């Protein structure tokens, strides 16, 4: 059932589409591009009502955590390590945020975490399967 706790869980990278075109558009450095390619990123989400802690664990021990409340401005960090402020909204069960150079949505669909980032017409889709 769709409840407020829909996002809570641990998800492991399963597939993506348009990775190279997207990271070129957002200007990711080549070392980061290689690090992110087919990277078994594990995303850990803790949702408590409108409060979220969203952690991306990268192989090799590096992780990035963004903590935010839906509808309130929060300090965030991109996958490239840039810090910025954003207000995450909830629209039709999707989390929606505008990063400095791309638009990002995340939703739970068929038990998987589906994230879509759009930059200058390039749509990058990443699907992660639930592992916990």
N, C-alpha and C. Protein backbone atom coordinates (compact mmCIF):
# COMPACT_ATOMS: atom_id res chain seq x y z
N UNK A 1 0.83 -1.22 0.00
CA UNK A 1 0.00 0.00 0.00
C UNK A 1 0.86 1.26 0.00
N UNK A 2 0.34 2.31 -0.61
CA UNK A 2 1.10 3.57 -0.64
C UNK A 2 0.91 4.29 0.68
N UNK A 3 1.96 4.34 1.45
CA UNK A 3 1.89 5.05 2.73
C UNK A 3 2.92 6.14 2.74
N UNK A 4 3.04 6.85 3.86
CA UNK A 4 4.03 7.92 3.94
C UNK A 4 5.44 7.35 4.01
N UNK A 5 5.57 6.08 4.35
CA UNK A 5 6.90 5.50 4.50
C UNK A 5 7.37 4.81 3.23
N UNK A 6 6.78 5.17 2.11
CA UNK A 6 7.02 4.45 0.86
C UNK A 6 8.50 4.39 0.46
N UNK A 7 9.30 5.39 0.82
CA UNK A 7 10.67 5.45 0.33
C UNK A 7 11.68 4.71 1.20
N UNK A 8 11.34 4.48 2.47
CA UNK A 8 12.31 3.90 3.39
C UNK A 8 12.83 2.55 2.90
N UNK A 9 14.17 2.40 2.89
CA UNK A 9 14.76 1.13 2.49
C UNK A 9 16.16 1.33 1.95
N UNK A 10 16.75 0.21 1.53
CA UNK A 10 18.09 0.21 0.94
C UNK A 10 17.94 -0.30 -0.48
N UNK A 11 18.55 0.41 -1.42
CA UNK A 11 18.38 0.10 -2.83
C UNK A 11 19.75 0.00 -3.49
N UNK A 12 19.92 -1.00 -4.35
CA UNK A 12 21.20 -1.16 -5.04
C UNK A 12 21.02 -0.90 -6.53
N UNK A 13 21.96 -0.17 -7.10
CA UNK A 13 21.94 0.15 -8.52
C UNK A 13 21.68 -1.10 -9.36
N UNK A 14 20.75 -0.97 -10.31
CA UNK A 14 20.43 -2.09 -11.18
C UNK A 14 20.70 -1.75 -12.64
N UNK A 15 20.26 -0.57 -13.09
CA UNK A 15 20.44 -0.20 -14.50
C UNK A 15 20.34 1.31 -14.66
N UNK A 16 20.92 1.82 -15.74
CA UNK A 16 20.69 3.24 -16.06
C UNK A 16 20.64 3.44 -17.56
N UNK A 17 20.15 4.60 -17.95
CA UNK A 17 20.03 4.96 -19.36
C UNK A 17 20.57 6.37 -19.55
N UNK A 18 21.32 6.59 -20.63
CA UNK A 18 21.82 7.92 -21.01
C UNK A 18 22.85 8.50 -20.04
N UNK A 19 23.58 7.63 -19.35
CA UNK A 19 24.55 8.12 -18.36
C UNK A 19 25.58 9.05 -18.98
N UNK A 20 26.24 8.59 -20.04
CA UNK A 20 27.34 9.39 -20.61
C UNK A 20 26.89 10.75 -21.12
N UNK A 21 25.77 10.75 -21.83
CA UNK A 21 25.26 12.02 -22.37
C UNK A 21 24.91 12.98 -21.23
N UNK A 22 24.35 12.43 -20.16
CA UNK A 22 23.93 13.27 -19.04
C UNK A 22 25.13 13.87 -18.30
N UNK A 23 26.11 13.04 -17.95
CA UNK A 23 27.25 13.56 -17.17
C UNK A 23 28.07 14.56 -17.99
N UNK A 24 28.06 14.40 -19.32
CA UNK A 24 28.72 15.41 -20.15
C UNK A 24 27.98 16.74 -20.05
N UNK A 25 26.65 16.69 -20.09
CA UNK A 25 25.83 17.90 -20.00
C UNK A 25 26.05 18.64 -18.69
N UNK A 26 26.15 17.89 -17.58
CA UNK A 26 26.30 18.56 -16.27
C UNK A 26 27.77 18.88 -15.97
N UNK A 27 28.67 18.46 -16.86
CA UNK A 27 30.07 18.83 -16.71
C UNK A 27 30.83 18.09 -15.63
N UNK A 28 30.47 16.82 -15.42
CA UNK A 28 31.17 16.01 -14.41
C UNK A 28 32.59 15.72 -14.90
N UNK A 29 33.57 15.79 -13.99
CA UNK A 29 34.96 15.54 -14.38
C UNK A 29 35.14 14.07 -14.77
N UNK A 30 36.11 13.81 -15.64
CA UNK A 30 36.25 12.47 -16.21
C UNK A 30 36.52 11.39 -15.17
N UNK A 31 37.25 11.72 -14.10
CA UNK A 31 37.49 10.71 -13.06
C UNK A 31 36.18 10.34 -12.35
N UNK A 32 35.33 11.35 -12.13
CA UNK A 32 34.03 11.09 -11.50
C UNK A 32 33.12 10.32 -12.47
N UNK A 33 33.24 10.62 -13.76
CA UNK A 33 32.43 9.90 -14.76
C UNK A 33 32.75 8.41 -14.70
N UNK A 34 34.05 8.09 -14.67
CA UNK A 34 34.45 6.67 -14.63
C UNK A 34 34.01 6.02 -13.32
N UNK A 35 34.12 6.77 -12.22
CA UNK A 35 33.75 6.25 -10.91
C UNK A 35 32.25 5.91 -10.89
N UNK A 36 31.45 6.72 -11.57
CA UNK A 36 30.01 6.54 -11.52
C UNK A 36 29.46 5.55 -12.51
N UNK A 37 30.25 5.18 -13.51
CA UNK A 37 29.74 4.30 -14.55
C UNK A 37 29.50 2.89 -14.03
N UNK A 38 28.28 2.39 -14.21
CA UNK A 38 27.90 1.05 -13.75
C UNK A 38 28.31 0.82 -12.31
N UNK A 39 28.28 1.87 -11.56
CA UNK A 39 28.73 1.87 -10.19
C UNK A 39 27.63 1.26 -9.32
N UNK A 40 28.00 0.29 -8.50
CA UNK A 40 27.01 -0.35 -7.63
C UNK A 40 26.72 0.55 -6.44
N UNK A 41 26.12 1.70 -6.72
CA UNK A 41 25.77 2.63 -5.65
C UNK A 41 24.64 2.02 -4.84
N UNK A 42 24.75 2.09 -3.53
CA UNK A 42 23.65 1.66 -2.66
C UNK A 42 23.05 2.93 -2.05
N UNK A 43 21.75 3.09 -2.24
CA UNK A 43 21.06 4.26 -1.71
C UNK A 43 20.27 3.81 -0.50
N UNK A 44 20.47 4.53 0.59
CA UNK A 44 19.75 4.21 1.82
C UNK A 44 18.85 5.39 2.14
N UNK A 45 17.55 5.13 2.24
CA UNK A 45 16.59 6.19 2.49
C UNK A 45 15.87 5.94 3.81
N UNK A 46 15.85 6.96 4.66
CA UNK A 46 15.05 6.89 5.87
C UNK A 46 14.03 8.02 5.76
N UNK A 47 12.75 7.63 5.74
CA UNK A 47 11.68 8.61 5.64
C UNK A 47 10.86 8.59 6.91
N UNK A 48 10.69 9.76 7.49
CA UNK A 48 9.86 9.89 8.68
C UNK A 48 8.88 11.02 8.39
N UNK A 49 7.70 10.66 7.86
CA UNK A 49 6.75 11.69 7.44
C UNK A 49 7.34 12.47 6.28
N UNK A 50 7.53 13.79 6.46
CA UNK A 50 8.11 14.63 5.41
C UNK A 50 9.61 14.82 5.56
N UNK A 51 10.20 14.17 6.57
CA UNK A 51 11.65 14.30 6.80
C UNK A 51 12.38 13.12 6.17
N UNK A 52 13.41 13.43 5.41
CA UNK A 52 14.17 12.39 4.71
C UNK A 52 15.65 12.48 5.03
N UNK A 53 16.29 11.31 5.13
CA UNK A 53 17.75 11.24 5.11
C UNK A 53 18.06 10.33 3.93
N UNK A 54 18.80 10.84 2.97
CA UNK A 54 19.05 10.16 1.70
C UNK A 54 20.56 10.00 1.55
N UNK A 55 21.05 8.77 1.70
CA UNK A 55 22.49 8.54 1.66
C UNK A 55 22.85 7.68 0.46
N UNK A 56 23.86 8.10 -0.29
CA UNK A 56 24.39 7.30 -1.40
C UNK A 56 25.74 6.76 -0.98
N UNK A 57 25.84 5.43 -0.93
CA UNK A 57 27.10 4.77 -0.57
C UNK A 57 27.79 4.33 -1.86
N UNK A 58 29.00 4.84 -2.09
CA UNK A 58 29.76 4.48 -3.28
C UNK A 58 30.76 3.39 -2.92
N UNK A 59 31.11 2.52 -3.88
CA UNK A 59 32.15 1.52 -3.61
C UNK A 59 33.43 2.23 -3.16
N UNK A 60 34.13 1.64 -2.22
CA UNK A 60 35.37 2.25 -1.75
C UNK A 60 35.16 3.10 -0.51
N UNK A 61 33.93 3.12 -0.01
CA UNK A 61 33.72 3.76 1.28
C UNK A 61 33.25 5.20 1.27
N UNK A 62 33.19 5.84 0.09
CA UNK A 62 32.73 7.23 0.04
C UNK A 62 31.20 7.26 0.08
N UNK A 63 30.65 8.19 0.84
CA UNK A 63 29.20 8.33 0.79
C UNK A 63 28.81 9.80 0.88
N UNK A 64 27.61 10.10 0.37
CA UNK A 64 27.05 11.45 0.38
C UNK A 64 25.68 11.36 1.03
N UNK A 65 25.42 12.22 2.00
CA UNK A 65 24.11 12.22 2.66
C UNK A 65 23.45 13.58 2.51
N UNK A 66 22.19 13.57 2.07
CA UNK A 66 21.37 14.78 2.04
C UNK A 66 20.20 14.57 2.99
N UNK A 67 20.00 15.54 3.87
CA UNK A 67 18.88 15.49 4.81
C UNK A 67 17.96 16.65 4.45
N UNK A 68 16.68 16.35 4.27
CA UNK A 68 15.76 17.41 3.86
C UNK A 68 14.34 17.13 4.36
N UNK A 69 13.55 18.20 4.40
CA UNK A 69 12.14 18.11 4.73
C UNK A 69 11.37 18.60 3.52
N UNK A 70 10.37 17.81 3.09
CA UNK A 70 9.58 18.20 1.93
C UNK A 70 8.98 19.58 2.15
N UNK A 71 9.16 20.47 1.16
CA UNK A 71 8.59 21.81 1.23
C UNK A 71 9.45 22.85 1.92
N UNK A 72 10.61 22.43 2.48
CA UNK A 72 11.49 23.39 3.15
C UNK A 72 12.85 23.40 2.48
N UNK A 73 13.45 24.60 2.39
CA UNK A 73 14.77 24.70 1.79
C UNK A 73 15.79 23.94 2.64
N UNK A 74 16.68 23.21 1.96
CA UNK A 74 17.70 22.43 2.68
C UNK A 74 19.04 22.57 1.98
N UNK A 75 20.11 22.32 2.75
CA UNK A 75 21.46 22.30 2.17
C UNK A 75 21.68 20.91 1.59
N UNK A 76 22.07 20.86 0.31
CA UNK A 76 22.24 19.60 -0.38
C UNK A 76 23.61 19.54 -1.04
N UNK A 77 23.95 18.34 -1.51
CA UNK A 77 25.22 18.14 -2.21
C UNK A 77 24.95 17.29 -3.45
N UNK A 78 25.57 17.66 -4.58
CA UNK A 78 25.38 16.90 -5.81
C UNK A 78 26.32 15.70 -5.84
N UNK A 79 26.14 14.81 -6.84
CA UNK A 79 27.03 13.66 -6.94
C UNK A 79 28.44 14.10 -7.29
N UNK A 80 28.59 15.31 -7.81
CA UNK A 80 29.92 15.83 -8.09
C UNK A 80 30.54 16.55 -6.88
N UNK A 81 29.78 16.63 -5.78
CA UNK A 81 30.32 17.24 -4.56
C UNK A 81 30.02 18.73 -4.40
N UNK A 82 29.22 19.31 -5.32
CA UNK A 82 28.87 20.73 -5.19
C UNK A 82 27.79 20.88 -4.14
N UNK A 83 27.94 21.91 -3.30
CA UNK A 83 26.93 22.17 -2.29
C UNK A 83 25.97 23.25 -2.81
N UNK A 84 24.69 23.11 -2.47
CA UNK A 84 23.69 24.06 -2.94
C UNK A 84 22.46 23.98 -2.04
N UNK A 85 21.54 24.92 -2.24
CA UNK A 85 20.29 24.88 -1.49
C UNK A 85 19.16 24.49 -2.43
N UNK A 86 18.25 23.65 -1.94
CA UNK A 86 17.12 23.24 -2.76
C UNK A 86 15.91 22.97 -1.88
N UNK A 87 14.74 23.11 -2.48
CA UNK A 87 13.51 22.75 -1.79
C UNK A 87 12.93 21.55 -2.51
N UNK A 88 12.84 20.44 -1.80
CA UNK A 88 12.29 19.21 -2.39
C UNK A 88 10.77 19.23 -2.21
N UNK A 89 10.07 18.94 -3.30
CA UNK A 89 8.60 18.91 -3.23
C UNK A 89 8.12 17.48 -3.43
N UNK A 90 6.89 17.23 -3.03
CA UNK A 90 6.26 15.92 -3.28
C UNK A 90 5.13 16.16 -4.27
N UNK A 91 5.21 15.54 -5.43
CA UNK A 91 4.16 15.68 -6.45
C UNK A 91 3.75 14.29 -6.92
N UNK A 92 2.49 13.94 -6.71
CA UNK A 92 1.96 12.62 -7.13
C UNK A 92 2.84 11.47 -6.64
N UNK A 93 3.28 11.55 -5.39
CA UNK A 93 4.08 10.47 -4.82
C UNK A 93 5.53 10.48 -5.25
N UNK A 94 5.93 11.48 -6.07
CA UNK A 94 7.33 11.59 -6.49
C UNK A 94 8.00 12.71 -5.72
N UNK A 95 9.27 12.51 -5.38
CA UNK A 95 10.07 13.60 -4.82
C UNK A 95 10.64 14.36 -6.01
N UNK A 96 10.51 15.68 -5.97
CA UNK A 96 10.95 16.52 -7.09
C UNK A 96 11.88 17.60 -6.56
N UNK A 97 13.05 17.75 -7.19
CA UNK A 97 13.99 18.78 -6.75
C UNK A 97 14.72 19.36 -7.94
N UNK A 98 15.06 20.65 -7.83
CA UNK A 98 15.88 21.29 -8.85
C UNK A 98 17.29 21.43 -8.31
N UNK A 99 18.21 20.67 -8.92
CA UNK A 99 19.63 20.78 -8.59
C UNK A 99 20.19 21.96 -9.39
N UNK A 100 21.43 22.39 -9.13
CA UNK A 100 21.95 23.59 -9.80
C UNK A 100 21.84 23.52 -11.32
N UNK A 101 22.09 22.34 -11.90
CA UNK A 101 22.05 22.28 -13.36
C UNK A 101 21.19 21.14 -13.90
N UNK A 102 20.33 20.57 -13.05
CA UNK A 102 19.40 19.58 -13.58
C UNK A 102 18.16 19.44 -12.68
N UNK A 103 17.11 18.87 -13.25
CA UNK A 103 15.85 18.65 -12.56
C UNK A 103 15.81 17.17 -12.20
N UNK A 104 15.44 16.85 -10.98
CA UNK A 104 15.53 15.47 -10.50
C UNK A 104 14.21 15.01 -9.90
N UNK A 105 13.78 13.79 -10.26
CA UNK A 105 12.63 13.21 -9.59
C UNK A 105 13.01 11.81 -9.09
N UNK A 106 12.34 11.38 -8.03
CA UNK A 106 12.55 10.03 -7.50
C UNK A 106 11.20 9.47 -7.10
N UNK A 107 10.97 8.21 -7.43
CA UNK A 107 9.73 7.58 -7.04
C UNK A 107 9.95 6.10 -6.81
N UNK A 108 9.02 5.49 -6.07
CA UNK A 108 9.04 4.04 -5.91
C UNK A 108 8.03 3.50 -6.91
N UNK A 109 8.50 2.64 -7.81
CA UNK A 109 7.64 2.09 -8.84
C UNK A 109 7.90 0.59 -8.93
N UNK A 110 6.88 -0.21 -8.69
CA UNK A 110 7.04 -1.66 -8.73
C UNK A 110 8.09 -2.16 -7.76
N UNK A 111 8.19 -1.50 -6.60
CA UNK A 111 9.15 -1.92 -5.58
C UNK A 111 10.58 -1.47 -5.84
N UNK A 112 10.79 -0.75 -6.95
CA UNK A 112 12.14 -0.25 -7.26
C UNK A 112 12.18 1.27 -7.09
N UNK A 113 13.38 1.78 -6.86
CA UNK A 113 13.60 3.21 -6.77
C UNK A 113 13.98 3.68 -8.17
N UNK A 114 13.16 4.56 -8.74
CA UNK A 114 13.41 5.06 -10.08
C UNK A 114 13.71 6.55 -9.98
N UNK A 115 14.91 6.93 -10.43
CA UNK A 115 15.31 8.34 -10.38
C UNK A 115 15.51 8.84 -11.79
N UNK A 116 14.97 10.02 -12.06
CA UNK A 116 15.12 10.61 -13.39
C UNK A 116 15.69 12.02 -13.24
N UNK A 117 16.80 12.27 -13.93
CA UNK A 117 17.43 13.59 -13.93
C UNK A 117 17.39 14.12 -15.35
N UNK A 118 17.00 15.39 -15.49
CA UNK A 118 16.90 15.99 -16.81
C UNK A 118 17.75 17.25 -16.87
N UNK A 119 18.59 17.34 -17.90
CA UNK A 119 19.43 18.52 -18.10
C UNK A 119 19.48 18.84 -19.58
N UNK A 120 19.00 20.02 -19.94
CA UNK A 120 19.07 20.49 -21.33
C UNK A 120 18.56 19.43 -22.31
N UNK A 121 17.45 18.82 -21.97
CA UNK A 121 16.84 17.86 -22.88
C UNK A 121 17.37 16.44 -22.79
N UNK A 122 18.43 16.22 -22.01
CA UNK A 122 18.95 14.86 -21.84
C UNK A 122 18.32 14.25 -20.59
N UNK A 123 17.70 13.08 -20.76
CA UNK A 123 17.03 12.43 -19.64
C UNK A 123 17.84 11.21 -19.20
N UNK A 124 18.29 11.26 -17.95
CA UNK A 124 19.08 10.16 -17.37
C UNK A 124 18.17 9.43 -16.40
N UNK A 125 18.04 8.13 -16.58
CA UNK A 125 17.18 7.33 -15.72
C UNK A 125 18.03 6.29 -15.00
N UNK A 126 17.84 6.20 -13.68
CA UNK A 126 18.57 5.19 -12.91
C UNK A 126 17.56 4.40 -12.10
N UNK A 127 17.67 3.08 -12.20
CA UNK A 127 16.78 2.19 -11.47
C UNK A 127 17.59 1.40 -10.44
N UNK A 128 17.08 1.33 -9.21
CA UNK A 128 17.76 0.57 -8.15
C UNK A 128 16.76 -0.41 -7.54
N UNK A 129 17.24 -1.62 -7.29
CA UNK A 129 16.35 -2.64 -6.70
C UNK A 129 16.46 -2.62 -5.19
N UNK A 130 15.36 -2.95 -4.52
CA UNK A 130 15.33 -2.90 -3.05
C UNK A 130 16.08 -4.12 -2.51
N UNK A 131 17.02 -3.89 -1.61
CA UNK A 131 17.78 -5.01 -1.03
C UNK A 131 17.54 -5.15 0.47
N UNK A 132 16.90 -4.15 1.09
CA UNK A 132 16.61 -4.24 2.52
C UNK A 132 15.46 -3.30 2.87
